Amino acid sequence: MFTETFYIAVAFLVFFGMLYKFGVHKTAISAIDSRAVQIQAELDEAKRLNIEAQSLLASITSKKEAAEKEAAEIVANAHLEAKQIAQESTLKVEEFIARRSKQAELKISQAQEQAVQDVRNQAADLSATMAGFLMADQNNNADLIAKGIAQVRTQMN
């Protein structure tokens, strides 16, 4: 009548009865509950860290966008300044060239005037010399004229 299965069933019930009497089930439930509380605390901490990370990411993203905008403004200002400097340099070079051209033209004009004056002075000197020759010797007019012409040719060359 009492088989092995019966004894195993009775031993099983006695074992669980002893576990119940000694409060093992309360200990197991409290361990499970404490583990659930610990897991919930870890989940709450993870949520807090996630929110903090998202906030930090948003802050860094806004700082990055502001820095990129500022860098773009700096580059645009640098391009504008470079264009202005190039324009100013071009104007200064043009003014310099104009001043130099005027100076060169003035020097050329002065040189021309000096050359004209030099030619006039030489012509006057030659005329005076010729007049002196003509007055000194009126008999040898032909010889004097030939000498004067030769002298003018040598001085003009």
N, C-alpha and C. Protein backbone atom coordinates (compact mmCIF):
# COMPACT_ATOMS: atom_id res chain seq x y z
N MET A 1 0.77 -1.15 0.00
CA MET A 1 0.00 0.00 0.00
C MET A 1 0.86 1.28 0.00
N PHE A 2 1.82 1.33 0.80
CA PHE A 2 2.68 2.51 0.77
C PHE A 2 3.87 2.24 -0.12
N THR A 3 3.86 2.90 -1.21
CA THR A 3 4.93 2.70 -2.18
C THR A 3 5.96 3.82 -2.04
N GLU A 4 6.94 3.71 -2.84
CA GLU A 4 8.02 4.70 -2.81
C GLU A 4 7.49 6.09 -3.16
N THR A 5 6.59 6.16 -4.04
CA THR A 5 6.03 7.43 -4.45
C THR A 5 5.33 8.09 -3.29
N PHE A 6 4.64 7.29 -2.49
CA PHE A 6 3.93 7.82 -1.33
C PHE A 6 4.92 8.41 -0.36
N TYR A 7 6.01 7.68 -0.10
CA TYR A 7 7.00 8.18 0.85
C TYR A 7 7.71 9.45 0.31
N ILE A 8 7.90 9.46 -0.94
CA ILE A 8 8.52 10.66 -1.53
C ILE A 8 7.57 11.83 -1.39
N ALA A 9 6.31 11.63 -1.60
CA ALA A 9 5.31 12.69 -1.47
C ALA A 9 5.23 13.16 -0.03
N VAL A 10 5.26 12.23 0.94
CA VAL A 10 5.19 12.59 2.36
C VAL A 10 6.46 13.37 2.72
N ALA A 11 7.62 12.90 2.27
CA ALA A 11 8.87 13.60 2.57
C ALA A 11 8.85 15.00 1.96
N PHE A 12 8.26 15.10 0.81
CA PHE A 12 8.17 16.41 0.15
C PHE A 12 7.29 17.34 0.98
N LEU A 13 6.16 16.88 1.45
CA LEU A 13 5.27 17.70 2.26
C LEU A 13 5.91 18.05 3.60
N VAL A 14 6.60 17.12 4.22
CA VAL A 14 7.28 17.37 5.50
C VAL A 14 8.37 18.43 5.28
N PHE A 15 9.10 18.30 4.17
CA PHE A 15 10.17 19.27 3.86
C PHE A 15 9.59 20.68 3.71
N PHE A 16 8.50 20.81 2.94
CA PHE A 16 7.90 22.14 2.77
C PHE A 16 7.25 22.62 4.05
N GLY A 17 6.75 21.73 4.85
CA GLY A 17 6.18 22.11 6.15
C GLY A 17 7.24 22.67 7.05
N MET A 18 8.41 22.05 7.07
CA MET A 18 9.52 22.54 7.90
C MET A 18 9.99 23.90 7.38
N LEU A 19 10.05 24.04 6.07
CA LEU A 19 10.45 25.33 5.51
C LEU A 19 9.46 26.41 5.93
N TYR A 20 8.17 26.08 5.94
CA TYR A 20 7.15 27.04 6.32
C TYR A 20 7.25 27.37 7.79
N LYS A 21 7.46 26.35 8.63
CA LYS A 21 7.54 26.54 10.08
C LYS A 21 8.73 27.42 10.44
N PHE A 22 9.84 27.24 9.81
CA PHE A 22 11.03 28.04 10.13
C PHE A 22 11.01 29.41 9.42
N GLY A 23 10.03 29.70 8.62
CA GLY A 23 9.87 31.01 7.98
C GLY A 23 10.79 31.24 6.79
N VAL A 24 11.18 30.14 6.18
CA VAL A 24 12.05 30.26 5.02
C VAL A 24 11.32 30.99 3.90
N HIS A 25 10.04 30.82 3.80
CA HIS A 25 9.30 31.49 2.74
C HIS A 25 9.31 33.01 2.94
N LYS A 26 9.26 33.46 4.23
CA LYS A 26 9.33 34.90 4.50
C LYS A 26 10.72 35.45 4.15
N THR A 27 11.73 34.64 4.47
CA THR A 27 13.09 35.06 4.14
C THR A 27 13.27 35.14 2.62
N ALA A 28 12.75 34.18 1.90
CA ALA A 28 12.85 34.16 0.44
C ALA A 28 12.09 35.35 -0.15
N ILE A 29 10.87 35.60 0.39
CA ILE A 29 10.08 36.71 -0.13
C ILE A 29 10.77 38.05 0.19
N SER A 30 11.32 38.18 1.41
CA SER A 30 12.02 39.43 1.75
C SER A 30 13.27 39.61 0.89
N ALA A 31 13.96 38.49 0.59
CA ALA A 31 15.13 38.58 -0.27
C ALA A 31 14.70 39.01 -1.67
N ILE A 32 13.61 38.43 -2.14
CA ILE A 32 13.11 38.80 -3.47
C ILE A 32 12.66 40.27 -3.46
N ASP A 33 11.96 40.68 -2.38
CA ASP A 33 11.50 42.07 -2.28
C ASP A 33 12.69 43.04 -2.21
N SER A 34 13.71 42.67 -1.42
CA SER A 34 14.88 43.56 -1.32
C SER A 34 15.61 43.64 -2.67
N ARG A 35 15.63 42.52 -3.36
CA ARG A 35 16.26 42.53 -4.70
C ARG A 35 15.43 43.39 -5.65
N ALA A 36 14.08 43.32 -5.52
CA ALA A 36 13.21 44.16 -6.36
C ALA A 36 13.44 45.64 -6.04
N VAL A 37 13.59 45.97 -4.74
CA VAL A 37 13.84 47.36 -4.35
C VAL A 37 15.20 47.81 -4.91
N GLN A 38 16.20 46.95 -4.81
CA GLN A 38 17.53 47.27 -5.33
C GLN A 38 17.47 47.48 -6.85
N ILE A 39 16.76 46.62 -7.55
CA ILE A 39 16.63 46.75 -9.00
C ILE A 39 15.90 48.05 -9.34
N GLN A 40 14.82 48.35 -8.56
CA GLN A 40 14.07 49.58 -8.80
C GLN A 40 14.97 50.81 -8.57
N ALA A 41 15.81 50.76 -7.54
CA ALA A 41 16.74 51.87 -7.28
C ALA A 41 17.73 52.02 -8.43
N GLU A 42 18.21 50.89 -8.93
CA GLU A 42 19.14 50.94 -10.07
C GLU A 42 18.45 51.50 -11.31
N LEU A 43 17.19 51.11 -11.53
CA LEU A 43 16.42 51.64 -12.67
C LEU A 43 16.21 53.15 -12.51
N ASP A 44 15.85 53.58 -11.29
CA ASP A 44 15.67 55.02 -11.05
C ASP A 44 16.98 55.78 -11.28
N GLU A 45 18.08 55.22 -10.82
CA GLU A 45 19.39 55.84 -11.02
C GLU A 45 19.71 55.90 -12.52
N ALA A 46 19.40 54.83 -13.24
CA ALA A 46 19.65 54.80 -14.68
C ALA A 46 18.80 55.85 -15.39
N LYS A 47 17.53 56.00 -14.98
CA LYS A 47 16.68 57.03 -15.56
C LYS A 47 17.24 58.42 -15.28
N ARG A 48 17.68 58.66 -14.03
CA ARG A 48 18.24 59.95 -13.66
C ARG A 48 19.49 60.24 -14.49
N LEU A 49 20.36 59.23 -14.62
CA LEU A 49 21.57 59.39 -15.41
C LEU A 49 21.24 59.63 -16.89
N ASN A 50 20.22 58.94 -17.39
CA ASN A 50 19.79 59.13 -18.78
C ASN A 50 19.31 60.57 -19.01
N ILE A 51 18.48 61.05 -18.07
CA ILE A 51 17.97 62.43 -18.18
C ILE A 51 19.13 63.42 -18.11
N GLU A 52 20.06 63.16 -17.19
CA GLU A 52 21.23 64.04 -17.05
C GLU A 52 22.08 64.02 -18.32
N ALA A 53 22.26 62.84 -18.90
CA ALA A 53 23.03 62.71 -20.13
C ALA A 53 22.34 63.44 -21.28
N GLN A 54 21.01 63.31 -21.37
CA GLN A 54 20.28 64.02 -22.42
C GLN A 54 20.39 65.53 -22.24
N SER A 55 20.31 65.98 -21.00
CA SER A 55 20.46 67.41 -20.72
C SER A 55 21.86 67.88 -21.10
N LEU A 56 22.86 67.10 -20.74
CA LEU A 56 24.24 67.44 -21.08
C LEU A 56 24.44 67.44 -22.59
N LEU A 57 23.85 66.46 -23.28
CA LEU A 57 23.94 66.39 -24.73
C LEU A 57 23.29 67.62 -25.37
N ALA A 58 22.13 68.02 -24.87
CA ALA A 58 21.46 69.21 -25.40
C ALA A 58 22.31 70.46 -25.17
N SER A 59 22.91 70.54 -23.99
CA SER A 59 23.77 71.69 -23.68
C SER A 59 24.98 71.72 -24.60
N ILE A 60 25.62 70.58 -24.78
CA ILE A 60 26.80 70.51 -25.65
C ILE A 60 26.42 70.80 -27.09
N THR A 61 25.27 70.30 -27.53
CA THR A 61 24.82 70.56 -28.89
C THR A 61 24.57 72.05 -29.11
N SER A 62 23.94 72.71 -28.14
CA SER A 62 23.69 74.15 -28.29
C SER A 62 25.01 74.92 -28.27
N LYS A 63 25.95 74.50 -27.42
CA LYS A 63 27.26 75.16 -27.39
C LYS A 63 27.99 74.95 -28.72
N LYS A 64 27.88 73.74 -29.28
CA LYS A 64 28.53 73.45 -30.56
C LYS A 64 27.94 74.33 -31.66
N GLU A 65 26.60 74.43 -31.69
CA GLU A 65 25.95 75.26 -32.71
C GLU A 65 26.36 76.72 -32.55
N ALA A 66 26.44 77.19 -31.29
CA ALA A 66 26.85 78.58 -31.06
C ALA A 66 28.30 78.78 -31.51
N ALA A 67 29.15 77.81 -31.23
CA ALA A 67 30.56 77.91 -31.64
C ALA A 67 30.68 77.89 -33.17
N GLU A 68 29.90 77.04 -33.84
CA GLU A 68 29.92 76.99 -35.30
C GLU A 68 29.43 78.31 -35.89
N LYS A 69 28.39 78.88 -35.28
CA LYS A 69 27.86 80.16 -35.75
C LYS A 69 28.90 81.26 -35.57
N GLU A 70 29.55 81.26 -34.42
CA GLU A 70 30.59 82.26 -34.15
C GLU A 70 31.77 82.09 -35.11
N ALA A 71 32.14 80.84 -35.37
CA ALA A 71 33.23 80.58 -36.31
C ALA A 71 32.86 81.06 -37.71
N ALA A 72 31.62 80.84 -38.11
CA ALA A 72 31.17 81.30 -39.43
C ALA A 72 31.20 82.83 -39.49
N GLU A 73 30.80 83.49 -38.40
CA GLU A 73 30.85 84.95 -38.36
C GLU A 73 32.30 85.45 -38.44
N ILE A 74 33.20 84.77 -37.74
CA ILE A 74 34.61 85.16 -37.76
C ILE A 74 35.17 85.03 -39.17
N VAL A 75 34.84 83.92 -39.83
CA VAL A 75 35.32 83.70 -41.21
C VAL A 75 34.74 84.77 -42.14
N ALA A 76 33.45 85.07 -41.98
CA ALA A 76 32.82 86.08 -42.84
C ALA A 76 33.47 87.45 -42.60
N ASN A 77 33.71 87.79 -41.35
CA ASN A 77 34.37 89.06 -41.04
C ASN A 77 35.79 89.10 -41.60
N ALA A 78 36.47 87.98 -41.52
CA ALA A 78 37.84 87.92 -42.06
C ALA A 78 37.83 88.13 -43.57
N HIS A 79 36.86 87.51 -44.27
CA HIS A 79 36.75 87.71 -45.71
C HIS A 79 36.46 89.17 -46.04
N LEU A 80 35.55 89.76 -45.27
CA LEU A 80 35.20 91.16 -45.49
C LEU A 80 36.40 92.06 -45.26
N GLU A 81 37.13 91.83 -44.18
CA GLU A 81 38.32 92.63 -43.90
C GLU A 81 39.38 92.44 -44.98
N ALA A 82 39.53 91.21 -45.45
CA ALA A 82 40.51 90.96 -46.51
C ALA A 82 40.14 91.71 -47.79
N LYS A 83 38.85 91.74 -48.12
CA LYS A 83 38.41 92.48 -49.30
C LYS A 83 38.67 93.98 -49.12
N GLN A 84 38.38 94.49 -47.91
CA GLN A 84 38.60 95.91 -47.66
C GLN A 84 40.09 96.24 -47.75
N ILE A 85 40.91 95.40 -47.18
CA ILE A 85 42.37 95.63 -47.22
C ILE A 85 42.86 95.59 -48.67
N ALA A 86 42.33 94.65 -49.46
CA ALA A 86 42.73 94.56 -50.87
C ALA A 86 42.30 95.82 -51.62
N GLN A 87 41.09 96.30 -51.35
CA GLN A 87 40.63 97.52 -52.02
C GLN A 87 41.50 98.71 -51.61
N GLU A 88 41.79 98.83 -50.32
CA GLU A 88 42.63 99.93 -49.85
C GLU A 88 44.02 99.85 -50.47
N SER A 89 44.56 98.65 -50.54
CA SER A 89 45.88 98.47 -51.14
C SER A 89 45.86 98.86 -52.61
N THR A 90 44.81 98.48 -53.31
CA THR A 90 44.69 98.82 -54.72
C THR A 90 44.63 100.35 -54.90
N LEU A 91 43.85 101.00 -54.04
CA LEU A 91 43.76 102.46 -54.12
C LEU A 91 45.11 103.11 -53.83
N LYS A 92 45.81 102.61 -52.83
CA LYS A 92 47.12 103.17 -52.49
C LYS A 92 48.11 102.99 -53.64
N VAL A 93 48.08 101.81 -54.26
CA VAL A 93 48.98 101.55 -55.39
C VAL A 93 48.64 102.48 -56.55
N GLU A 94 47.34 102.64 -56.83
CA GLU A 94 46.93 103.53 -57.92
C GLU A 94 47.36 104.97 -57.63
N GLU A 95 47.19 105.42 -56.38
CA GLU A 95 47.61 106.77 -56.01
C GLU A 95 49.13 106.91 -56.15
N PHE A 96 49.87 105.91 -55.75
CA PHE A 96 51.32 105.93 -55.86
C PHE A 96 51.75 106.03 -57.32
N ILE A 97 51.10 105.22 -58.17
CA ILE A 97 51.42 105.23 -59.60
C ILE A 97 51.09 106.59 -60.20
N ALA A 98 49.96 107.17 -59.80
CA ALA A 98 49.58 108.49 -60.33
C ALA A 98 50.60 109.54 -59.91
N ARG A 99 51.02 109.51 -58.64
CA ARG A 99 52.03 110.46 -58.17
C ARG A 99 53.34 110.30 -58.93
N ARG A 100 53.76 109.08 -59.11
CA ARG A 100 55.01 108.82 -59.83
C ARG A 100 54.89 109.27 -61.29
N SER A 101 53.74 109.04 -61.90
CA SER A 101 53.55 109.47 -63.30
C SER A 101 53.63 110.98 -63.40
N LYS A 102 52.99 111.69 -62.46
CA LYS A 102 53.04 113.15 -62.47
C LYS A 102 54.47 113.64 -62.27
N GLN A 103 55.19 113.00 -61.36
CA GLN A 103 56.58 113.38 -61.13
C GLN A 103 57.42 113.15 -62.39
N ALA A 104 57.20 112.02 -63.04
CA ALA A 104 57.95 111.71 -64.26
C ALA A 104 57.62 112.72 -65.35
N GLU A 105 56.33 113.04 -65.52
CA GLU A 105 55.93 114.01 -66.51
C GLU A 105 56.55 115.38 -66.21
N LEU A 106 56.56 115.76 -64.95
CA LEU A 106 57.16 117.04 -64.55
C LEU A 106 58.65 117.05 -64.87
N LYS A 107 59.35 115.96 -64.55
CA LYS A 107 60.78 115.89 -64.86
C LYS A 107 61.02 115.95 -66.36
N ILE A 108 60.19 115.26 -67.13
CA ILE A 108 60.33 115.28 -68.59
C ILE A 108 60.10 116.69 -69.11
N SER A 109 59.07 117.36 -68.60
CA SER A 109 58.77 118.73 -69.02
C SER A 109 59.92 119.66 -68.68
N GLN A 110 60.47 119.49 -67.46
CA GLN A 110 61.60 120.33 -67.07
C GLN A 110 62.82 120.05 -67.95
N ALA A 111 63.04 118.79 -68.26
CA ALA A 111 64.17 118.43 -69.13
C ALA A 111 63.98 119.02 -70.52
N GLN A 112 62.75 118.99 -71.04
CA GLN A 112 62.49 119.57 -72.34
C GLN A 112 62.74 121.08 -72.33
N GLU A 113 62.24 121.73 -71.28
CA GLU A 113 62.45 123.17 -71.17
C GLU A 113 63.95 123.49 -71.07
N GLN A 114 64.67 122.68 -70.30
CA GLN A 114 66.12 122.90 -70.17
C GLN A 114 66.82 122.68 -71.50
N ALA A 115 66.40 121.66 -72.25
CA ALA A 115 67.02 121.39 -73.56
C ALA A 115 66.75 122.55 -74.52
N VAL A 116 65.51 123.04 -74.51
CA VAL A 116 65.17 124.18 -75.37
C VAL A 116 66.01 125.39 -74.99
N GLN A 117 66.14 125.61 -73.69
CA GLN A 117 66.93 126.75 -73.22
C GLN A 117 68.40 126.58 -73.60
N ASP A 118 68.93 125.36 -73.47
CA ASP A 118 70.32 125.10 -73.86
C ASP A 118 70.53 125.36 -75.35
N VAL A 119 69.58 124.90 -76.19
CA VAL A 119 69.69 125.13 -77.63
C VAL A 119 69.65 126.62 -77.92
N ARG A 120 68.78 127.37 -77.26
CA ARG A 120 68.68 128.81 -77.48
C ARG A 120 69.99 129.51 -77.07
N ASN A 121 70.53 129.06 -75.91
CA ASN A 121 71.80 129.67 -75.46
C ASN A 121 72.93 129.40 -76.45
N GLN A 122 73.01 128.15 -76.94
CA GLN A 122 74.05 127.83 -77.92
C GLN A 122 73.84 128.62 -79.21
N ALA A 123 72.59 128.77 -79.62
CA ALA A 123 72.31 129.54 -80.85
C ALA A 123 72.71 131.00 -80.66
N ALA A 124 72.42 131.52 -79.46
CA ALA A 124 72.80 132.92 -79.19
C ALA A 124 74.31 133.07 -79.18
N ASP A 125 75.00 132.10 -78.54
CA ASP A 125 76.47 132.15 -78.52
C ASP A 125 77.03 132.06 -79.93
N LEU A 126 76.48 131.16 -80.73
CA LEU A 126 76.95 131.02 -82.10
C LEU A 126 76.68 132.29 -82.92
N SER A 127 75.50 132.87 -82.68
CA SER A 127 75.17 134.10 -83.41
C SER A 127 76.14 135.21 -83.04
N ALA A 128 76.46 135.29 -81.75
CA ALA A 128 77.40 136.33 -81.31
C ALA A 128 78.78 136.07 -81.89
N THR A 129 79.19 134.80 -81.91
CA THR A 129 80.49 134.46 -82.48
C THR A 129 80.52 134.80 -83.96
N MET A 130 79.47 134.46 -84.67
CA MET A 130 79.38 134.72 -86.10
C MET A 130 79.40 136.23 -86.37
N ALA A 131 78.67 136.94 -85.54
CA ALA A 131 78.64 138.39 -85.74
C ALA A 131 80.03 138.98 -85.52
N GLY A 132 80.73 138.43 -84.54
CA GLY A 132 82.10 138.90 -84.28
C GLY A 132 83.00 138.62 -85.45
N PHE A 133 82.89 137.43 -86.01
CA PHE A 133 83.71 137.10 -87.16
C PHE A 133 83.38 138.01 -88.34
N LEU A 134 82.12 138.26 -88.56
CA LEU A 134 81.71 139.08 -89.69
C LEU A 134 82.19 140.52 -89.54
N MET A 135 82.18 141.03 -88.39
CA MET A 135 82.61 142.41 -88.19
C MET A 135 84.12 142.52 -88.23
N ALA A 136 84.82 141.53 -87.79
CA ALA A 136 86.27 141.61 -87.74
C ALA A 136 86.88 141.63 -89.14
N ASP A 137 86.32 140.87 -89.97
CA ASP A 137 86.94 140.81 -91.29
C ASP A 137 85.85 140.84 -92.34
N GLN A 138 85.59 142.03 -92.87
CA GLN A 138 84.54 142.13 -93.85
C GLN A 138 85.02 141.73 -95.23
N ASN A 139 86.33 141.66 -95.43
CA ASN A 139 86.85 141.29 -96.74
C ASN A 139 86.70 139.80 -97.01
N ASN A 140 86.86 139.02 -96.01
CA ASN A 140 86.81 137.57 -96.21
C ASN A 140 85.44 137.02 -95.78
N ASN A 141 84.41 137.60 -96.31
CA ASN A 141 83.06 137.18 -95.91
C ASN A 141 82.77 135.73 -96.27
N ALA A 142 83.19 135.35 -97.40
CA ALA A 142 82.90 133.99 -97.81
C ALA A 142 83.63 132.99 -96.92
N ASP A 143 84.90 133.29 -96.60
CA ASP A 143 85.65 132.39 -95.72
C ASP A 143 85.05 132.36 -94.32
N LEU A 144 84.64 133.51 -93.85
CA LEU A 144 84.05 133.58 -92.52
C LEU A 144 82.73 132.82 -92.45
N ILE A 145 81.95 132.95 -93.49
CA ILE A 145 80.66 132.25 -93.50
C ILE A 145 80.90 130.75 -93.50
N ALA A 146 81.85 130.29 -94.28
CA ALA A 146 82.16 128.87 -94.34
C ALA A 146 82.67 128.39 -92.98
N LYS A 147 83.56 129.17 -92.35
CA LYS A 147 84.07 128.80 -91.02
C LYS A 147 82.94 128.77 -89.98
N GLY A 148 82.07 129.75 -90.04
CA GLY A 148 80.94 129.83 -89.09
C GLY A 148 80.01 128.64 -89.23
N ILE A 149 79.73 128.29 -90.51
CA ILE A 149 78.84 127.15 -90.75
C ILE A 149 79.49 125.87 -90.24
N ALA A 150 80.79 125.73 -90.47
CA ALA A 150 81.50 124.54 -90.00
C ALA A 150 81.49 124.49 -88.48
N GLN A 151 81.70 125.64 -87.84
CA GLN A 151 81.72 125.70 -86.39
C GLN A 151 80.31 125.37 -85.83
N VAL A 152 79.25 125.85 -86.41
CA VAL A 152 77.90 125.55 -85.99
C VAL A 152 77.62 124.09 -86.11
N ARG A 153 78.09 123.48 -87.24
CA ARG A 153 77.87 122.04 -87.44
C ARG A 153 78.56 121.22 -86.36
N THR A 154 79.79 121.61 -86.02
CA THR A 154 80.52 120.83 -85.00
C THR A 154 79.89 121.00 -83.63
N GLN A 155 79.41 122.18 -83.31
CA GLN A 155 78.79 122.39 -82.00
C GLN A 155 77.40 121.77 -81.90
N MET A 156 76.68 121.70 -82.98
CA MET A 156 75.35 121.11 -82.97
C MET A 156 75.42 119.58 -82.88
N ASN A 157 76.49 119.00 -83.39
CA ASN A 157 76.62 117.55 -83.35
C ASN A 157 77.18 117.20 -82.02
